[in-house]
C-alpha atoms as a PDB file:
ATOM      1  CA  MET A   1     -19.588 125.175  17.184  1.00  0.00           C
ATOM      2  CA  LYS A   2     -16.867 123.002  15.672  1.00  0.00           C
ATOM      3  CA  PHE A   3     -15.514 126.010  13.768  1.00  0.00           C
ATOM      4  CA  MET A   4     -15.249 128.061  16.983  1.00  0.00           C
ATOM      5  CA  THR A   5     -13.449 125.200  18.751  1.00  0.00           C
ATOM      6  CA  LEU A   6     -10.985 124.962  15.858  1.00  0.00           C
ATOM      7  CA  ILE A   7     -10.294 128.711  16.010  1.00  0.00           C
ATOM      8  CA  ILE A   8      -9.667 128.536  19.767  1.00  0.00           C
ATOM      9  CA  ILE A   9      -7.265 125.588  19.362  1.00  0.00           C
ATOM     10  CA  CYS A  10      -5.366 127.319  16.545  1.00  0.00           C
ATOM     11  CA  ALA A  11      -5.113 130.572  18.517  1.00  0.00           C
ATOM     12  CA  SER A  12      -3.848 128.661  21.548  1.00  0.00           C
ATOM     13  CA  ILE A  13      -1.169 126.879  19.543  1.00  0.00           C
ATOM     14  CA  PHE A  14      -0.083 130.128  17.899  1.00  0.00           C
ATOM     15  CA  GLY A  15       0.003 131.944  21.244  1.00  0.00           C
ATOM     16  CA  TYR A  16       2.045 129.207  22.851  1.00  0.00           C
ATOM     17  CA  HIS A  17       4.692 129.224  20.121  1.00  0.00           C
ATOM     18  CA  PHE A  18       4.769 133.009  19.948  1.00  0.00           C
ATOM     19  CA  PHE A  19       5.198 133.613  23.688  1.00  0.00           C
ATOM     20  CA  LYS A  20       7.102 130.541  24.915  1.00  0.00           C
ATOM     21  CA  ASP A  21      10.580 131.982  24.269  1.00  0.00           C
ATOM     22  CA  ARG A  22       9.644 135.520  25.198  1.00  0.00           C
ATOM     23  CA  TYR A  23       8.815 134.640  28.808  1.00  0.00           C
ATOM     24  CA  ALA A  24      11.117 131.689  29.334  1.00  0.00           C
ATOM     25  CA  THR A  25      13.627 132.042  32.127  1.00  0.00           C
ATOM     26  CA  HIS A  26      17.086 131.326  30.889  1.00  0.00           C
ATOM     27  CA  GLU A  27      19.397 130.327  33.700  1.00  0.00           C
ATOM     28  CA  PRO A  28      23.021 131.254  33.221  1.00  0.00           C
ATOM     29  CA  VAL A  29      25.169 128.317  32.279  1.00  0.00           C
ATOM     30  CA  VAL A  30      28.055 127.951  34.673  1.00  0.00           C
ATOM     31  CA  THR A  31      30.883 125.823  33.452  1.00  0.00           C
ATOM     32  CA  THR A  32      33.991 124.772  35.246  1.00  0.00           C
ATOM     33  CA  HIS A  33      35.899 123.491  32.241  1.00  0.00           C
ATOM     34  CA  VAL A  34      39.065 125.404  33.120  1.00  0.00           C
ATOM     35  CA  ALA A  35      38.873 124.509  36.809  1.00  0.00           C
ATOM     36  CA  ALA A  36      37.943 120.905  36.046  1.00  0.00           C
ATOM     37  CA  GLU A  37      40.945 120.580  33.746  1.00  0.00           C
ATOM     38  CA  GLN A  38      43.229 122.283  36.236  1.00  0.00           C
ATOM     39  CA  TYR A  39      42.070 120.635  39.475  1.00  0.00           C
ATOM     40  CA  ARG A  40      40.861 117.214  40.545  1.00  0.00           C
ATOM     41  CA  CYS A  41      39.531 115.773  43.799  1.00  0.00           C
ATOM     42  CA  ASP A  42      42.600 114.170  45.293  1.00  0.00           C
ATOM     43  CA  GLY A  43      41.737 113.872  48.966  1.00  0.00           C
ATOM     44  CA  ARG A  44      42.790 117.328  50.121  1.00  0.00           C
ATOM     45  CA  THR A  45      40.174 118.806  52.439  1.00  0.00           C
ATOM     46  CA  HIS A  46      41.763 121.752  54.321  1.00  0.00           C
ATOM     47  CA  CYS A  47      42.683 125.321  53.401  1.00  0.00           C
ATOM     48  CA  SER A  48      46.310 124.742  54.320  1.00  0.00           C
ATOM     49  CA  GLN A  49      46.464 122.269  51.431  1.00  0.00           C
ATOM     50  CA  MET A  50      45.175 124.770  48.823  1.00  0.00           C
ATOM     51  CA  THR A  51      47.238 127.174  46.731  1.00  0.00           C
ATOM     52  CA  SER A  52      44.537 129.674  45.646  1.00  0.00           C
ATOM     53  CA  CYS A  53      40.974 130.794  46.219  1.00  0.00           C
ATOM     54  CA  GLU A  54      39.952 129.322  42.850  1.00  0.00           C
ATOM     55  CA  GLU A  55      41.345 125.936  43.845  1.00  0.00           C
ATOM     56  CA  ALA A  56      39.603 126.047  47.228  1.00  0.00           C
ATOM     57  CA  GLN A  57      36.287 126.977  45.562  1.00  0.00           C
ATOM     58  CA  PHE A  58      36.651 124.058  43.136  1.00  0.00           C
ATOM     59  CA  PHE A  59      37.239 121.627  46.011  1.00  0.00           C
ATOM     60  CA  LEU A  60      34.323 123.020  48.021  1.00  0.00           C
ATOM     61  CA  ASP A  61      31.944 122.801  45.035  1.00  0.00           C
ATOM     62  CA  ASN A  62      33.037 119.440  43.646  1.00  0.00           C
ATOM     63  CA  CYS A  63      34.769 117.269  46.226  1.00  0.00           C
ATOM     64  CA  PRO A  64      33.192 115.438  49.185  1.00  0.00           C
ATOM     65  CA  GLY A  65      34.295 115.885  52.785  1.00  0.00           C
ATOM     66  CA  THR A  66      35.952 119.286  52.560  1.00  0.00           C
ATOM     67  CA  ALA A  67      36.441 121.307  55.741  1.00  0.00           C
ATOM     68  CA  MET A  68      37.051 124.721  54.200  1.00  0.00           C
ATOM     69  CA  ASP A  69      33.850 126.663  54.897  1.00  0.00           C
ATOM     70  CA  GLY A  70      33.482 127.014  58.644  1.00  0.00           C
ATOM     71  CA  ASP A  71      30.554 129.445  58.530  1.00  0.00           C
ATOM     72  CA  ASN A  72      28.744 127.650  55.664  1.00  0.00           C
ATOM     73  CA  ASP A  73      28.404 130.768  53.513  1.00  0.00           C
ATOM     74  CA  GLY A  74      29.755 129.137  50.349  1.00  0.00           C
ATOM     75  CA  ILE A  75      33.088 130.963  50.482  1.00  0.00           C
ATOM     76  CA  PRO A  76      36.003 128.693  51.357  1.00  0.00           C
ATOM     77  CA  CYS A  77      39.254 129.630  53.108  1.00  0.00           C
ATOM     78  CA  GLU A  78      38.221 133.197  53.942  1.00  0.00           C
ATOM     79  CA  LYS A  79      41.184 133.781  56.240  1.00  0.00           C
ATOM     80  CA  GLN A  80      43.817 132.349  53.892  1.00  0.00           C
ATOM     81  CA  TRP A  81      42.728 132.755  50.254  1.00  0.00           C
ATOM     82  CA  CYS A  82      39.245 134.142  49.593  1.00  0.00           C
ATOM     83  CA  ARG A  83      39.174 137.505  51.354  1.00  0.00           C
END
């Protein structure tokens, strides 16, 4: 009985290590290093204060109190920059 329990434990450990990476979900890593170096939250909150779609997206994603996404679809300044 003890031998069978040991075999089951060993098989479980082997199976875990063999399959853990195979079925793991790897989320894409999104970095904003370029945007973070280029832009900073400086109090601007409106599309008329932006100079590009990339800048508006940075402000929408990272800065509090922005008023650039009227329909709340995650795309800022659709009439001015992000068409």
